[in-house]
Amino acid sequence: MARQSITLTKPNDKWLKEQLSTEEYTSKSELINDLIRRAREKQEELDFLRAELIKGEQSGFTKLTQEEILAQSKADLRRNGKL
């Protein structure tokens, strides 16, 4: 694992210490790694949604009903392990 040194603002350091006091995390490193992991997952979700929106815009109009579109979207999400 790469070892890094970071400087935190006072409010961020205070917040980290408060999170550690709940004993959900054993160290600042563990907490920061979890925050980064969650941010990466969120970014992957946003990238997926952007790609789907672009694909949708490029595909043109549809004659499907709202219910059919929703069912198709849910099926696609399940197939991709996102739901």
Protein backbone atom coordinates (compact mmCIF):
# COMPACT_ATOMS: atom_id res chain seq x y z
CA MET A 1 0.00 0.00 0.00
CA ALA A 2 1.21 3.49 -0.77
CA ARG A 3 1.93 5.59 2.27
CA GLN A 4 0.87 9.23 1.98
CA SER A 5 0.93 12.32 4.11
CA ILE A 6 -2.00 14.70 3.84
CA THR A 7 -2.91 17.99 5.46
CA LEU A 8 -6.50 18.45 6.65
CA THR A 9 -8.40 21.60 7.42
CA LYS A 10 -9.48 21.94 11.06
CA PRO A 11 -13.16 21.23 10.27
CA ASN A 12 -12.25 18.11 8.27
CA ASP A 13 -9.90 16.86 10.97
CA LYS A 14 -12.59 17.44 13.60
CA TRP A 15 -15.12 15.54 11.49
CA LEU A 16 -12.71 12.62 11.04
CA LYS A 17 -12.08 12.48 14.79
CA GLU A 18 -15.84 12.50 15.43
CA GLN A 19 -16.26 9.57 13.02
CA LEU A 20 -13.51 7.66 14.80
CA SER A 21 -15.19 8.24 18.15
CA THR A 22 -18.15 6.13 16.95
CA GLU A 23 -15.70 3.21 16.75
CA GLU A 24 -16.99 2.24 13.31
CA TYR A 25 -13.46 2.82 12.02
CA THR A 26 -10.20 2.01 13.78
CA SER A 27 -8.06 4.69 12.11
CA LYS A 28 -8.18 7.78 9.95
CA SER A 29 -6.56 5.75 7.17
CA GLU A 30 -9.36 3.19 7.24
CA LEU A 31 -11.98 5.94 7.17
CA ILE A 32 -10.32 7.86 4.34
CA ASN A 33 -9.92 4.68 2.28
CA ASP A 34 -13.63 3.95 2.79
CA LEU A 35 -14.56 7.49 1.73
CA ILE A 36 -12.44 7.17 -1.41
CA ARG A 37 -13.91 3.74 -2.18
CA ARG A 38 -17.44 5.14 -1.88
CA ALA A 39 -16.56 8.14 -4.06
CA ARG A 40 -15.13 5.80 -6.71
CA GLU A 41 -18.31 3.67 -6.65
CA LYS A 42 -20.44 6.79 -7.00
CA GLN A 43 -18.28 7.96 -9.92
CA GLU A 44 -18.73 4.58 -11.62
CA GLU A 45 -22.52 4.92 -11.21
CA LEU A 46 -22.46 8.44 -12.65
CA ASP A 47 -20.29 7.33 -15.57
CA PHE A 48 -22.75 4.50 -16.28
CA LEU A 49 -25.73 6.88 -16.15
CA ARG A 50 -24.01 9.40 -18.43
CA ALA A 51 -23.21 6.68 -20.94
CA GLU A 52 -26.82 5.46 -20.84
CA LEU A 53 -28.14 9.00 -21.32
CA ILE A 54 -25.86 9.54 -24.29
CA LYS A 55 -26.89 6.18 -25.74
CA GLY A 56 -30.54 7.12 -25.23
CA GLU A 57 -30.14 10.52 -26.87
CA GLN A 58 -28.41 8.95 -29.85
CA SER A 59 -31.02 6.20 -30.28
CA GLY A 60 -33.82 8.59 -31.21
CA PHE A 61 -37.49 8.34 -30.33
CA THR A 62 -39.37 5.28 -29.12
CA LYS A 63 -42.93 4.02 -29.30
CA LEU A 64 -42.59 2.19 -25.97
CA THR A 65 -44.82 3.20 -23.05
CA GLN A 66 -43.37 4.54 -19.81
CA GLU A 67 -44.03 1.19 -18.15
CA GLU A 68 -42.23 -0.69 -20.92
CA ILE A 69 -39.26 1.67 -20.74
CA LEU A 70 -39.07 1.27 -16.95
CA ALA A 71 -39.26 -2.54 -17.19
CA GLN A 72 -36.56 -2.58 -19.87
CA SER A 73 -34.32 -0.29 -17.82
CA LYS A 74 -34.70 -2.45 -14.71
CA ALA A 75 -33.90 -5.57 -16.72
CA ASP A 76 -30.76 -3.90 -18.11
CA LEU A 77 -29.68 -2.85 -14.61
CA ARG A 78 -30.19 -6.37 -13.28
CA ARG A 79 -28.19 -7.80 -16.18
CA ASN A 80 -25.35 -5.39 -15.40
CA GLY A 81 -25.48 -6.16 -11.67
CA LYS A 82 -26.48 -2.59 -10.81
CA LEU A 83 -29.86 -3.44 -9.27
